[in-house]
């Protein structure tokens, strides 16, 4: 099965002034001819009414995630504060350890 570190190549990002509404994780393809099943994140972007144009960036704590399965993502929360909306997120590995990873969230303040 695949491991989470490859998700750092797939940031989830909505256009400016839009919020991210996660829809889930979908398995794609079949186990055949030595190929592993692929997954994709499904989400949609929704218009947001805000005066803020620059998102606030927050990071989850670093955890040992490199080489782990998708289930390990539950230990990496993607959160915005009250009166904020999520505009994008990504998995990053700049934790100072070989297996450490964290979630980077971008949030916009609501009017």
Foldseek 3Di string as FASTA:
>chain_A
DDFDVVQQVPKFADPWQKFKAWDAKAWADDCPPPDDIDIDTDIDIGGAAAPDGFWDKDKFDKDQGVPHHPVVCVNADADDDPQKGWGIKTKDAPPPDPRIIIMMTTIGGHD
